[in-house]
Amino acid sequence: GGLADKVLDRRLNARKVCMNPISRFIYLKMNYRVEQHMLPMVS
């Protein structure tokens, strides 16, 4: 949300957000959004 679109650099259109342990459990560590988009096959 709010980030650049129509770009080919994933660092410009995704963000990593630090979360507490409960939020990370609910979100299953999807807060590591830039990293997950760079290597989608990483667990």
PDB file of all heavy atoms in Angstrom:
ATOM      1  N   GLY A   1       0.791  -1.216   0.000  1.00  0.00           N
ATOM      2  CA  GLY A   1       0.000   0.000   0.000  1.00  0.00           C
ATOM      3  C   GLY A   1       0.829   1.274   0.000  1.00  0.00           C
ATOM      4  O   GLY A   1       1.728   1.448   0.817  1.00  0.00           O
ATOM      5  N   GLY A   2       0.519   2.178  -0.932  1.00  0.00           N
ATOM      6  CA  GLY A   2       1.177   3.466  -1.006  1.00  0.00           C
ATOM      7  C   GLY A   2       2.510   3.454  -1.718  1.00  0.00           C
ATOM      8  O   GLY A   2       3.086   4.516  -1.976  1.00  0.00           O
ATOM      9  N   LEU A   3       3.023   2.269  -2.054  1.00  0.00           N
ATOM     10  CA  LEU A   3       4.349   2.176  -2.663  1.00  0.00           C
ATOM     11  C   LEU A   3       4.251   2.317  -4.188  1.00  0.00           C
ATOM     12  O   LEU A   3       3.170   2.335  -4.759  1.00  0.00           O
ATOM     13  CB  LEU A   3       5.014   0.865  -2.272  1.00  0.00           C
ATOM     14  CG  LEU A   3       5.193   0.649  -0.764  1.00  0.00           C
ATOM     15  CD1 LEU A   3       5.840  -0.697  -0.487  1.00  0.00           C
ATOM     16  CD2 LEU A   3       6.024   1.766  -0.153  1.00  0.00           C
ATOM     17  N   ALA A   4       5.413   2.396  -4.821  1.00  0.00           N
ATOM     18  CA  ALA A   4       5.458   2.610  -6.262  1.00  0.00           C
ATOM     19  C   ALA A   4       4.868   1.412  -7.003  1.00  0.00           C
ATOM     20  O   ALA A   4       4.969   0.270  -6.556  1.00  0.00           O
ATOM     21  CB  ALA A   4       6.899   2.836  -6.709  1.00  0.00           C
ATOM     22  N   ASP A   5       4.226   1.696  -8.126  1.00  0.00           N
ATOM     23  CA  ASP A   5       3.769   0.613  -8.997  1.00  0.00           C
ATOM     24  C   ASP A   5       4.495   0.738 -10.334  1.00  0.00           C
ATOM     25  O   ASP A   5       5.275   1.664 -10.558  1.00  0.00           O
ATOM     26  CB  ASP A   5       2.245   0.628  -9.168  1.00  0.00           C
ATOM     27  CG  ASP A   5       1.736   1.947  -9.735  1.00  0.00           C
ATOM     28  OD1 ASP A   5       2.563   2.805 -10.098  1.00  0.00           O
ATOM     29  OD2 ASP A   5       0.504   2.126  -9.817  1.00  0.00           O
ATOM     30  N   LYS A   6       4.269  -0.227 -11.210  1.00  0.00           N
ATOM     31  CA  LYS A   6       4.929  -0.249 -12.522  1.00  0.00           C
ATOM     32  C   LYS A   6       6.448  -0.157 -12.402  1.00  0.00           C
ATOM     33  O   LYS A   6       7.093   0.626 -13.096  1.00  0.00           O
ATOM     34  CB  LYS A   6       4.384   0.858 -13.417  1.00  0.00           C
ATOM     35  CG  LYS A   6       2.907   0.704 -13.741  1.00  0.00           C
ATOM     36  CD  LYS A   6       2.466   1.611 -14.876  1.00  0.00           C
ATOM     37  CE  LYS A   6       2.566   3.060 -14.526  1.00  0.00           C
ATOM     38  NZ  LYS A   6       2.009   3.946 -15.569  1.00  0.00           N
ATOM     39  N   VAL A   7       7.011  -0.911 -11.465  1.00  0.00           N
ATOM     40  CA  VAL A   7       8.461  -0.952 -11.298  1.00  0.00           C
ATOM     41  C   VAL A   7       8.928  -2.405 -11.281  1.00  0.00           C
ATOM     42  O   VAL A   7       8.151  -3.314 -10.989  1.00  0.00           O
ATOM     43  CB  VAL A   7       8.912  -0.244  -9.994  1.00  0.00           C
ATOM     44  CG1 VAL A   7       8.606   1.233 -10.049  1.00  0.00           C
ATOM     45  CG2 VAL A   7       8.268  -0.880  -8.776  1.00  0.00           C
ATOM     46  N   LEU A   8      10.195  -2.611 -11.594  1.00  0.00           N
ATOM     47  CA  LEU A   8      10.752  -3.951 -11.646  1.00  0.00           C
ATOM     48  C   LEU A   8      11.702  -4.242 -10.489  1.00  0.00           C
ATOM     49  O   LEU A   8      12.350  -5.270 -10.468  1.00  0.00           O
ATOM     50  CB  LEU A   8      11.480  -4.160 -12.978  1.00  0.00           C
ATOM     51  CG  LEU A   8      10.581  -4.069 -14.217  1.00  0.00           C
ATOM     52  CD1 LEU A   8      11.379  -4.289 -15.482  1.00  0.00           C
ATOM     53  CD2 LEU A   8       9.434  -5.054 -14.131  1.00  0.00           C
ATOM     54  N   ASP A   9      11.769  -3.333  -9.539  1.00  0.00           N
ATOM     55  CA  ASP A   9      12.600  -3.523  -8.349  1.00  0.00           C
ATOM     56  C   ASP A   9      11.660  -3.759  -7.175  1.00  0.00           C
ATOM     57  O   ASP A   9      10.925  -2.866  -6.754  1.00  0.00           O
ATOM     58  CB  ASP A   9      13.459  -2.286  -8.114  1.00  0.00           C
ATOM     59  CG  ASP A   9      14.522  -2.526  -7.054  1.00  0.00           C
ATOM     60  OD1 ASP A   9      14.294  -3.375  -6.170  1.00  0.00           O
ATOM     61  OD2 ASP A   9      15.567  -1.870  -7.110  1.00  0.00           O
ATOM     62  N   ARG A  10      11.671  -4.957  -6.639  1.00  0.00           N
ATOM     63  CA  ARG A  10      10.718  -5.335  -5.603  1.00  0.00           C
ATOM     64  C   ARG A  10      10.902  -4.531  -4.315  1.00  0.00           C
ATOM     65  O   ARG A  10      10.000  -4.484  -3.490  1.00  0.00           O
ATOM     66  CB  ARG A  10      10.825  -6.831  -5.319  1.00  0.00           C
ATOM     67  CG  ARG A  10      10.555  -7.692  -6.546  1.00  0.00           C
ATOM     68  CD  ARG A  10      10.676  -9.162  -6.241  1.00  0.00           C
ATOM     69  NE  ARG A  10      10.682  -9.975  -7.445  1.00  0.00           N
ATOM     70  CZ  ARG A  10       9.599 -10.353  -8.111  1.00  0.00           C
ATOM     71  NH1 ARG A  10       8.413  -9.973  -7.697  1.00  0.00           N
ATOM     72  NH2 ARG A  10       9.707 -11.109  -9.192  1.00  0.00           N
ATOM     73  N   ARG A  11      12.053  -3.920  -4.136  1.00  0.00           N
ATOM     74  CA  ARG A  11      12.272  -3.098  -2.942  1.00  0.00           C
ATOM     75  C   ARG A  11      11.454  -1.820  -2.976  1.00  0.00           C
ATOM     76  O   ARG A  11      11.247  -1.176  -1.948  1.00  0.00           O
ATOM     77  CB  ARG A  11      13.758  -2.764  -2.820  1.00  0.00           C
ATOM     78  CG  ARG A  11      14.657  -3.975  -2.634  1.00  0.00           C
ATOM     79  CD  ARG A  11      16.100  -3.637  -2.886  1.00  0.00           C
ATOM     80  NE  ARG A  11      16.284  -3.179  -4.264  1.00  0.00           N
ATOM     81  CZ  ARG A  11      17.432  -2.717  -4.738  1.00  0.00           C
ATOM     82  NH1 ARG A  11      18.494  -2.650  -3.935  1.00  0.00           N
ATOM     83  NH2 ARG A  11      17.536  -2.334  -5.987  1.00  0.00           N
ATOM     84  N   LEU A  12      10.973  -1.444  -4.161  1.00  0.00           N
ATOM     85  CA  LEU A  12      10.221  -0.207  -4.313  1.00  0.00           C
ATOM     86  C   LEU A  12       8.718  -0.405  -4.183  1.00  0.00           C
ATOM     87  O   LEU A  12       7.980   0.569  -4.006  1.00  0.00           O
ATOM     88  CB  LEU A  12      10.525   0.435  -5.682  1.00  0.00           C
ATOM     89  CG  LEU A  12      11.999   0.724  -5.973  1.00  0.00           C
ATOM     90  CD1 LEU A  12      12.153   1.323  -7.361  1.00  0.00           C
ATOM     91  CD2 LEU A  12      12.585   1.656  -4.921  1.00  0.00           C
ATOM     92  N   ASN A  13       8.238  -1.650  -4.296  1.00  0.00           N
ATOM     93  CA  ASN A  13       6.780  -1.845  -4.242  1.00  0.00           C
ATOM     94  C   ASN A  13       6.345  -2.849  -3.178  1.00  0.00           C
ATOM     95  O   ASN A  13       5.218  -3.343  -3.196  1.00  0.00           O
ATOM     96  CB  ASN A  13       6.239  -2.264  -5.607  1.00  0.00           C
ATOM     97  CG  ASN A  13       6.706  -3.634  -6.066  1.00  0.00           C
ATOM     98  OD1 ASN A  13       7.373  -4.354  -5.336  1.00  0.00           O
ATOM     99  ND2 ASN A  13       6.361  -3.992  -7.291  1.00  0.00           N
ATOM    100  N   ALA A  14       7.232  -3.190  -2.230  1.00  0.00           N
ATOM    101  CA  ALA A  14       6.875  -4.063  -1.109  1.00  0.00           C
ATOM    102  C   ALA A  14       7.642  -3.598   0.121  1.00  0.00           C
ATOM    103  O   ALA A  14       8.715  -3.017   0.003  1.00  0.00           O
ATOM    104  CB  ALA A  14       7.199  -5.523  -1.430  1.00  0.00           C
ATOM    105  N   ARG A  15       7.064  -3.848   1.300  1.00  0.00           N
ATOM    106  CA  ARG A  15       7.733  -3.404   2.520  1.00  0.00           C
ATOM    107  C   ARG A  15       7.796  -4.525   3.550  1.00  0.00           C
ATOM    108  O   ARG A  15       6.907  -5.386   3.615  1.00  0.00           O
ATOM    109  CB  ARG A  15       7.039  -2.179   3.131  1.00  0.00           C
ATOM    110  CG  ARG A  15       5.607  -2.368   3.503  1.00  0.00           C
ATOM    111  CD  ARG A  15       5.092  -1.265   4.435  1.00  0.00           C
ATOM    112  NE  ARG A  15       5.176   0.083   3.918  1.00  0.00           N
ATOM    113  CZ  ARG A  15       4.247   0.667   3.159  1.00  0.00           C
ATOM    114  NH1 ARG A  15       3.171  -0.001   2.814  1.00  0.00           N
ATOM    115  NH2 ARG A  15       4.386   1.910   2.746  1.00  0.00           N
ATOM    116  N   LYS A  16       8.860  -4.486   4.330  1.00  0.00           N
ATOM    117  CA  LYS A  16       8.983  -5.383   5.473  1.00  0.00           C
ATOM    118  C   LYS A  16       8.578  -4.620   6.720  1.00  0.00           C
ATOM    119  O   LYS A  16       9.021  -3.494   6.948  1.00  0.00           O
ATOM    120  CB  LYS A  16      10.414  -5.896   5.616  1.00  0.00           C
ATOM    121  CG  LYS A  16      10.539  -6.961   6.716  1.00  0.00           C
ATOM    122  CD  LYS A  16      11.503  -6.556   7.776  1.00  0.00           C
ATOM    123  CE  LYS A  16      11.467  -7.565   8.924  1.00  0.00           C
ATOM    124  NZ  LYS A  16      12.650  -7.472   9.779  1.00  0.00           N
ATOM    125  N   VAL A  17       7.695  -5.222   7.532  1.00  0.00           N
ATOM    126  CA  VAL A  17       7.191  -4.590   8.748  1.00  0.00           C
ATOM    127  C   VAL A  17       7.518  -5.495   9.929  1.00  0.00           C
ATOM    128  O   VAL A  17       7.175  -6.688   9.923  1.00  0.00           O
ATOM    129  CB  VAL A  17       5.670  -4.357   8.676  1.00  0.00           C
ATOM    130  CG1 VAL A  17       5.178  -3.654   9.931  1.00  0.00           C
ATOM    131  CG2 VAL A  17       5.300  -3.557   7.430  1.00  0.00           C
ATOM    132  N   CYS A  18       8.180  -4.964  10.940  1.00  0.00           N
ATOM    133  CA  CYS A  18       8.469  -5.740  12.147  1.00  0.00           C
ATOM    134  C   CYS A  18       7.188  -5.937  12.943  1.00  0.00           C
ATOM    135  O   CYS A  18       6.410  -4.986  13.120  1.00  0.00           O
ATOM    136  CB  CYS A  18       9.515  -5.026  12.999  1.00  0.00           C
ATOM    137  SG  CYS A  18      11.108  -4.815  12.182  1.00  0.00           S
ATOM    138  N   MET A  19       6.954  -7.155  13.423  1.00  0.00           N
ATOM    139  CA  MET A  19       5.740  -7.466  14.181  1.00  0.00           C
ATOM    140  C   MET A  19       6.086  -8.259  15.428  1.00  0.00           C
ATOM    141  O   MET A  19       7.140  -8.905  15.486  1.00  0.00           O
ATOM    142  CB  MET A  19       4.758  -8.278  13.318  1.00  0.00           C
ATOM    143  CG  MET A  19       4.184  -7.533  12.144  1.00  0.00           C
ATOM    144  SD  MET A  19       2.971  -8.552  11.238  1.00  0.00           S
ATOM    145  CE  MET A  19       2.427  -7.387   9.994  1.00  0.00           C
ATOM    146  N   ASN A  20       5.170  -8.238  16.400  1.00  0.00           N
ATOM    147  CA  ASN A  20       5.367  -9.003  17.620  1.00  0.00           C
ATOM    148  C   ASN A  20       5.111 -10.486  17.355  1.00  0.00           C
ATOM    149  O   ASN A  20       4.562 -10.853  16.304  1.00  0.00           O
ATOM    150  CB  ASN A  20       4.466  -8.472  18.743  1.00  0.00           C
ATOM    151  CG  ASN A  20       2.993  -8.603  18.408  1.00  0.00           C
ATOM    152  OD1 ASN A  20       2.493  -9.683  18.111  1.00  0.00           O
ATOM    153  ND2 ASN A  20       2.278  -7.480  18.445  1.00  0.00           N
ATOM    154  N   PRO A  21       5.495 -11.379  18.282  1.00  0.00           N
ATOM    155  CA  PRO A  21       5.374 -12.830  18.029  1.00  0.00           C
ATOM    156  C   PRO A  21       3.957 -13.294  17.718  1.00  0.00           C
ATOM    157  O   PRO A  21       3.769 -14.171  16.860  1.00  0.00           O
ATOM    158  CB  PRO A  21       5.895 -13.454  19.329  1.00  0.00           C
ATOM    159  CG  PRO A  21       6.830 -12.436  19.894  1.00  0.00           C
ATOM    160  CD  PRO A  21       6.222 -11.110  19.539  1.00  0.00           C
ATOM    161  N   ILE A  22       2.942 -12.728  18.384  1.00  0.00           N
ATOM    162  CA  ILE A  22       1.561 -13.148  18.119  1.00  0.00           C
ATOM    163  C   ILE A  22       1.155 -12.761  16.707  1.00  0.00           C
ATOM    164  O   ILE A  22       0.545 -13.555  15.978  1.00  0.00           O
ATOM    165  CB  ILE A  22       0.602 -12.535  19.155  1.00  0.00           C
ATOM    166  CG1 ILE A  22       0.904 -13.103  20.544  1.00  0.00           C
ATOM    167  CG2 ILE A  22      -0.851 -12.812  18.781  1.00  0.00           C
ATOM    168  CD1 ILE A  22       0.070 -12.494  21.660  1.00  0.00           C
ATOM    169  N   SER A  23       1.500 -11.538  16.308  1.00  0.00           N
ATOM    170  CA  SER A  23       1.176 -11.093  14.950  1.00  0.00           C
ATOM    171  C   SER A  23       1.918 -11.921  13.910  1.00  0.00           C
ATOM    172  O   SER A  23       1.368 -12.246  12.855  1.00  0.00           O
ATOM    173  CB  SER A  23       1.519  -9.610  14.783  1.00  0.00           C
ATOM    174  OG  SER A  23       0.654  -8.801  15.556  1.00  0.00           O
ATOM    175  N   ARG A  24       3.170 -12.282  14.207  1.00  0.00           N
ATOM    176  CA  ARG A  24       3.920 -13.102  13.254  1.00  0.00           C
ATOM    177  C   ARG A  24       3.300 -14.493  13.124  1.00  0.00           C
ATOM    178  O   ARG A  24       3.305 -15.080  12.045  1.00  0.00           O
ATOM    179  CB  ARG A  24       5.392 -13.214  13.684  1.00  0.00           C
ATOM    180  CG  ARG A  24       6.163 -11.923  13.519  1.00  0.00           C
ATOM    181  CD  ARG A  24       7.677 -12.193  13.495  1.00  0.00           C
ATOM    182  NE  ARG A  24       8.147 -12.860  14.701  1.00  0.00           N
ATOM    183  CZ  ARG A  24       8.541 -12.224  15.805  1.00  0.00           C
ATOM    184  NH1 ARG A  24       8.507 -10.896  15.855  1.00  0.00           N
ATOM    185  NH2 ARG A  24       8.967 -12.896  16.851  1.00  0.00           N
ATOM    186  N   PHE A  25       2.751 -15.020  14.231  1.00  0.00           N
ATOM    187  CA  PHE A  25       2.082 -16.314  14.164  1.00  0.00           C
ATOM    188  C   PHE A  25       0.826 -16.223  13.309  1.00  0.00           C
ATOM    189  O   PHE A  25       0.577 -17.069  12.436  1.00  0.00           O
ATOM    190  CB  PHE A  25       1.715 -16.792  15.574  1.00  0.00           C
ATOM    191  CG  PHE A  25       0.787 -17.979  15.576  1.00  0.00           C
ATOM    192  CD1 PHE A  25       1.253 -19.243  15.255  1.00  0.00           C
ATOM    193  CD2 PHE A  25      -0.550 -17.824  15.899  1.00  0.00           C
ATOM    194  CE1 PHE A  25       0.402 -20.338  15.247  1.00  0.00           C
ATOM    195  CE2 PHE A  25      -1.413 -18.912  15.904  1.00  0.00           C
ATOM    196  CZ  PHE A  25      -0.935 -20.168  15.574  1.00  0.00           C
ATOM    197  N   ILE A  26       0.011 -15.200  13.540  1.00  0.00           N
ATOM    198  CA  ILE A  26      -1.209 -15.022  12.749  1.00  0.00           C
ATOM    199  C   ILE A  26      -0.858 -14.822  11.281  1.00  0.00           C
ATOM    200  O   ILE A  26      -1.488 -15.393  10.385  1.00  0.00           O
ATOM    201  CB  ILE A  26      -2.027 -13.833  13.277  1.00  0.00           C
ATOM    202  CG1 ILE A  26      -2.545 -14.126  14.693  1.00  0.00           C
ATOM    203  CG2 ILE A  26      -3.190 -13.497  12.335  1.00  0.00           C
ATOM    204  CD1 ILE A  26      -3.175 -12.925  15.368  1.00  0.00           C
ATOM    205  N   TYR A  27       0.180 -14.048  11.038  1.00  0.00           N
ATOM    206  CA  TYR A  27       0.556 -13.659   9.687  1.00  0.00           C
ATOM    207  C   TYR A  27       1.553 -14.616   9.043  1.00  0.00           C
ATOM    208  O   TYR A  27       1.890 -14.472   7.880  1.00  0.00           O
ATOM    209  CB  TYR A  27       1.144 -12.246   9.740  1.00  0.00           C
ATOM    210  CG  TYR A  27       0.930 -11.430   8.501  1.00  0.00           C
ATOM    211  CD1 TYR A  27      -0.238 -11.535   7.744  1.00  0.00           C
ATOM    212  CD2 TYR A  27       1.897 -10.537   8.079  1.00  0.00           C
ATOM    213  CE1 TYR A  27      -0.428 -10.786   6.612  1.00  0.00           C
ATOM    214  CE2 TYR A  27       1.713  -9.769   6.935  1.00  0.00           C
ATOM    215  CZ  TYR A  27       0.551  -9.901   6.211  1.00  0.00           C
ATOM    216  OH  TYR A  27       0.368  -9.140   5.077  1.00  0.00           O
ATOM    217  N   LEU A  28       2.015 -15.599   9.786  1.00  0.00           N
ATOM    218  CA  LEU A  28       2.931 -16.632   9.310  1.00  0.00           C
ATOM    219  C   LEU A  28       4.157 -16.021   8.626  1.00  0.00           C
ATOM    220  O   LEU A  28       4.589 -16.449   7.565  1.00  0.00           O
ATOM    221  CB  LEU A  28       2.211 -17.599   8.359  1.00  0.00           C
ATOM    222  CG  LEU A  28       2.767 -19.027   8.294  1.00  0.00           C
ATOM    223  CD1 LEU A  28       2.702 -19.696   9.656  1.00  0.00           C
ATOM    224  CD2 LEU A  28       2.017 -19.860   7.274  1.00  0.00           C
ATOM    225  N   LYS A  29       4.682 -14.973   9.280  1.00  0.00           N
ATOM    226  CA  LYS A  29       5.907 -14.292   8.822  1.00  0.00           C
ATOM    227  C   LYS A  29       5.772 -13.655   7.445  1.00  0.00           C
ATOM    228  O   LYS A  29       6.774 -13.358   6.781  1.00  0.00           O
ATOM    229  CB  LYS A  29       7.101 -15.242   8.847  1.00  0.00           C
ATOM    230  CG  LYS A  29       7.416 -15.814  10.236  1.00  0.00           C
ATOM    231  CD  LYS A  29       8.669 -16.670  10.179  1.00  0.00           C
ATOM    232  CE  LYS A  29       8.993 -17.255  11.561  1.00  0.00           C
ATOM    233  NZ  LYS A  29       8.022 -18.253  11.989  1.00  0.00           N
ATOM    234  N   MET A  30       4.550 -13.405   6.990  1.00  0.00           N
ATOM    235  CA  MET A  30       4.375 -12.717   5.715  1.00  0.00           C
ATOM    236  C   MET A  30       4.746 -11.238   5.805  1.00  0.00           C
ATOM    237  O   MET A  30       4.710 -10.535   4.794  1.00  0.00           O
ATOM    238  CB  MET A  30       2.928 -12.864   5.232  1.00  0.00           C
ATOM    239  CG  MET A  30       2.629 -14.212   4.618  1.00  0.00           C
ATOM    240  SD  MET A  30       0.882 -14.401   4.188  1.00  0.00           S
ATOM    241  CE  MET A  30       0.646 -13.050   3.048  1.00  0.00           C
ATOM    242  N   ASN A  31       5.103 -10.776   7.000  1.00  0.00           N
ATOM    243  CA  ASN A  31       5.572  -9.396   7.127  1.00  0.00           C
ATOM    244  C   ASN A  31       6.933  -9.194   6.460  1.00  0.00           C
ATOM    245  O   ASN A  31       7.338  -8.063   6.198  1.00  0.00           O
ATOM    246  CB  ASN A  31       5.650  -8.988   8.603  1.00  0.00           C
ATOM    247  CG  ASN A  31       6.446  -9.963   9.447  1.00  0.00           C
ATOM    248  OD1 ASN A  31       6.129 -11.153   9.495  1.00  0.00           O
ATOM    249  ND2 ASN A  31       7.474  -9.477  10.125  1.00  0.00           N
ATOM    250  N   TYR A  32       7.628 -10.302   6.157  1.00  0.00           N
ATOM    251  CA  TYR A  32       8.879 -10.219   5.388  1.00  0.00           C
ATOM    252  C   TYR A  32       8.518 -10.176   3.896  1.00  0.00           C
ATOM    253  O   TYR A  32       8.838 -11.081   3.133  1.00  0.00           O
ATOM    254  CB  TYR A  32       9.756 -11.431   5.686  1.00  0.00           C
ATOM    255  CG  TYR A  32      10.316 -11.472   7.082  1.00  0.00           C
ATOM    256  CD1 TYR A  32       9.631 -12.108   8.110  1.00  0.00           C
ATOM    257  CD2 TYR A  32      11.539 -10.876   7.379  1.00  0.00           C
ATOM    258  CE1 TYR A  32      10.143 -12.163   9.399  1.00  0.00           C
ATOM    259  CE2 TYR A  32      12.063 -10.924   8.661  1.00  0.00           C
ATOM    260  CZ  TYR A  32      11.357 -11.562   9.669  1.00  0.00           C
ATOM    261  OH  TYR A  32      11.866 -11.606  10.938  1.00  0.00           O
ATOM    262  N   ARG A  33       7.874  -9.098   3.483  1.00  0.00           N
ATOM    263  CA  ARG A  33       7.261  -9.087   2.155  1.00  0.00           C
ATOM    264  C   ARG A  33       8.268  -8.895   1.032  1.00  0.00           C
ATOM    265  O   ARG A  33       8.157  -9.520  -0.027  1.00  0.00           O
ATOM    266  CB  ARG A  33       6.204  -7.981   2.086  1.00  0.00           C
ATOM    267  CG  ARG A  33       5.144  -8.276   1.048  1.00  0.00           C
ATOM    268  CD  ARG A  33       4.299  -9.434   1.514  1.00  0.00           C
ATOM    269  NE  ARG A  33       3.425  -9.919   0.440  1.00  0.00           N
ATOM    270  CZ  ARG A  33       3.356 -11.169   0.057  1.00  0.00           C
ATOM    271  NH1 ARG A  33       4.103 -12.072   0.640  1.00  0.00           N
ATOM    272  NH2 ARG A  33       2.543 -11.550  -0.890  1.00  0.00           N
ATOM    273  N   VAL A  34       9.237  -8.024   1.221  1.00  0.00           N
ATOM    274  CA  VAL A  34      10.237  -7.811   0.172  1.00  0.00           C
ATOM    275  C   VAL A  34      11.014  -9.102  -0.059  1.00  0.00           C
ATOM    276  O   VAL A  34      11.212  -9.544  -1.201  1.00  0.00           O
ATOM    277  CB  VAL A  34      11.212  -6.682   0.557  1.00  0.00           C
ATOM    278  CG1 VAL A  34      12.201  -6.422  -0.578  1.00  0.00           C
ATOM    279  CG2 VAL A  34      10.453  -5.413   0.903  1.00  0.00           C
ATOM    280  N   GLU A  35      11.429  -9.729   1.032  1.00  0.00           N
ATOM    281  CA  GLU A  35      12.224 -10.943   0.938  1.00  0.00           C
ATOM    282  C   GLU A  35      11.439 -12.062   0.251  1.00  0.00           C
ATOM    283  O   GLU A  35      11.969 -12.795  -0.576  1.00  0.00           O
ATOM    284  CB  GLU A  35      12.660 -11.394   2.336  1.00  0.00           C
ATOM    285  CG  GLU A  35      13.554 -10.411   3.075  1.00  0.00           C
ATOM    286  CD  GLU A  35      12.791  -9.310   3.807  1.00  0.00           C
ATOM    287  OE1 GLU A  35      11.566  -9.164   3.571  1.00  0.00           O
ATOM    288  OE2 GLU A  35      13.419  -8.599   4.602  1.00  0.00           O
ATOM    289  N   GLN A  36      10.153 -12.179   0.613  1.00  0.00           N
ATOM    290  CA  GLN A  36       9.339 -13.253   0.056  1.00  0.00           C
ATOM    291  C   GLN A  36       9.109 -13.053  -1.441  1.00  0.00           C
ATOM    292  O   GLN A  36       9.070 -14.022  -2.209  1.00  0.00           O
ATOM    293  CB  GLN A  36       8.002 -13.324   0.803  1.00  0.00           C
ATOM    294  CG  GLN A  36       7.306 -14.679   0.746  1.00  0.00           C
ATOM    295  CD  GLN A  36       6.514 -14.859  -0.543  1.00  0.00           C
ATOM    296  OE1 GLN A  36       6.063 -13.902  -1.135  1.00  0.00           O
ATOM    297  NE2 GLN A  36       6.354 -16.103  -0.956  1.00  0.00           N
ATOM    298  N   HIS A  37       8.987 -11.805  -1.872  1.00  0.00           N
ATOM    299  CA  HIS A  37       8.805 -11.552  -3.302  1.00  0.00           C
ATOM    300  C   HIS A  37      10.101 -11.804  -4.083  1.00  0.00           C
ATOM    301  O   HIS A  37      10.061 -12.191  -5.242  1.00  0.00           O
ATOM    302  CB  HIS A  37       8.327 -10.120  -3.529  1.00  0.00           C
ATOM    303  CG  HIS A  37       6.835 -10.011  -3.601  1.00  0.00           C
ATOM    304  ND1 HIS A  37       6.145 -10.192  -4.771  1.00  0.00           N
ATOM    305  CD2 HIS A  37       5.906  -9.757  -2.648  1.00  0.00           C
ATOM    306  CE1 HIS A  37       4.848 -10.052  -4.541  1.00  0.00           C
ATOM    307  NE2 HIS A  37       4.680  -9.795  -3.267  1.00  0.00           N
ATOM    308  N   MET A  38      11.236 -11.556  -3.448  1.00  0.00           N
ATOM    309  CA  MET A  38      12.496 -11.802  -4.141  1.00  0.00           C
ATOM    310  C   MET A  38      12.743 -13.285  -4.353  1.00  0.00           C
ATOM    311  O   MET A  38      13.195 -13.705  -5.425  1.00  0.00           O
ATOM    312  CB  MET A  38      13.660 -11.203  -3.340  1.00  0.00           C
ATOM    313  CG  MET A  38      13.863  -9.725  -3.556  1.00  0.00           C
ATOM    314  SD  MET A  38      15.512  -9.253  -3.016  1.00  0.00           S
ATOM    315  CE  MET A  38      15.424  -7.479  -3.263  1.00  0.00           C
ATOM    316  N   LEU A  39      12.459 -14.093  -3.324  1.00  0.00           N
ATOM    317  CA  LEU A  39      12.664 -15.538  -3.429  1.00  0.00           C
ATOM    318  C   LEU A  39      11.393 -16.246  -2.954  1.00  0.00           C
ATOM    319  O   LEU A  39      11.296 -16.684  -1.805  1.00  0.00           O
ATOM    320  CB  LEU A  39      13.856 -15.985  -2.588  1.00  0.00           C
ATOM    321  CG  LEU A  39      15.249 -15.784  -3.187  1.00  0.00           C
ATOM    322  CD1 LEU A  39      16.315 -16.234  -2.206  1.00  0.00           C
ATOM    323  CD2 LEU A  39      15.404 -16.534  -4.499  1.00  0.00           C
ATOM    324  N   PRO A  40      10.367 -16.359  -3.822  1.00  0.00           N
ATOM    325  CA  PRO A  40       9.088 -16.940  -3.400  1.00  0.00           C
ATOM    326  C   PRO A  40       9.160 -18.405  -3.011  1.00  0.00           C
ATOM    327  O   PRO A  40       8.240 -18.908  -2.376  1.00  0.00           O
ATOM    328  CB  PRO A  40       8.190 -16.736  -4.627  1.00  0.00           C
ATOM    329  CG  PRO A  40       9.125 -16.555  -5.771  1.00  0.00           C
ATOM    330  CD  PRO A  40      10.332 -15.889  -5.209  1.00  0.00           C
ATOM    331  N   MET A  41      10.231 -19.105  -3.359  1.00  0.00           N
ATOM    332  CA  MET A  41      10.338 -20.513  -3.009  1.00  0.00           C
ATOM    333  C   MET A  41      10.989 -20.741  -1.651  1.00  0.00           C
ATOM    334  O   MET A  41      11.172 -21.881  -1.229  1.00  0.00           O
ATOM    335  CB  MET A  41      11.138 -21.267  -4.078  1.00  0.00           C
ATOM    336  CG  MET A  41      10.471 -21.282  -5.445  1.00  0.00           C
ATOM    337  SD  MET A  41       8.714 -21.750  -5.375  1.00  0.00           S
ATOM    338  CE  MET A  41       8.851 -23.449  -4.835  1.00  0.00           C
ATOM    339  N   VAL A  42      11.311 -19.663  -0.945  1.00  0.00           N
ATOM    340  CA  VAL A  42      11.860 -19.789   0.409  1.00  0.00           C
ATOM    341  C   VAL A  42      10.718 -20.014   1.392  1.00  0.00           C
ATOM    342  O   VAL A  42       9.711 -19.298   1.368  1.00  0.00           O
ATOM    343  CB  VAL A  42      12.666 -18.527   0.787  1.00  0.00           C
ATOM    344  CG1 VAL A  42      13.055 -18.557   2.262  1.00  0.00           C
ATOM    345  CG2 VAL A  42      13.902 -18.407  -0.080  1.00  0.00           C
ATOM    346  N   SER A  43      10.874 -20.994   2.263  1.00  0.00           N
ATOM    347  CA  SER A  43       9.856 -21.270   3.272  1.00  0.00           C
ATOM    348  C   SER A  43       9.688 -20.079   4.205  1.00  0.00           C
ATOM    349  O   SER A  43      10.644 -19.338   4.479  1.00  0.00           O
ATOM    350  CB  SER A  43      10.244 -22.506   4.083  1.00  0.00           C
ATOM    351  OG  SER A  43       9.446 -22.634   5.234  1.00  0.00           O
TER     352      SER A  43
END
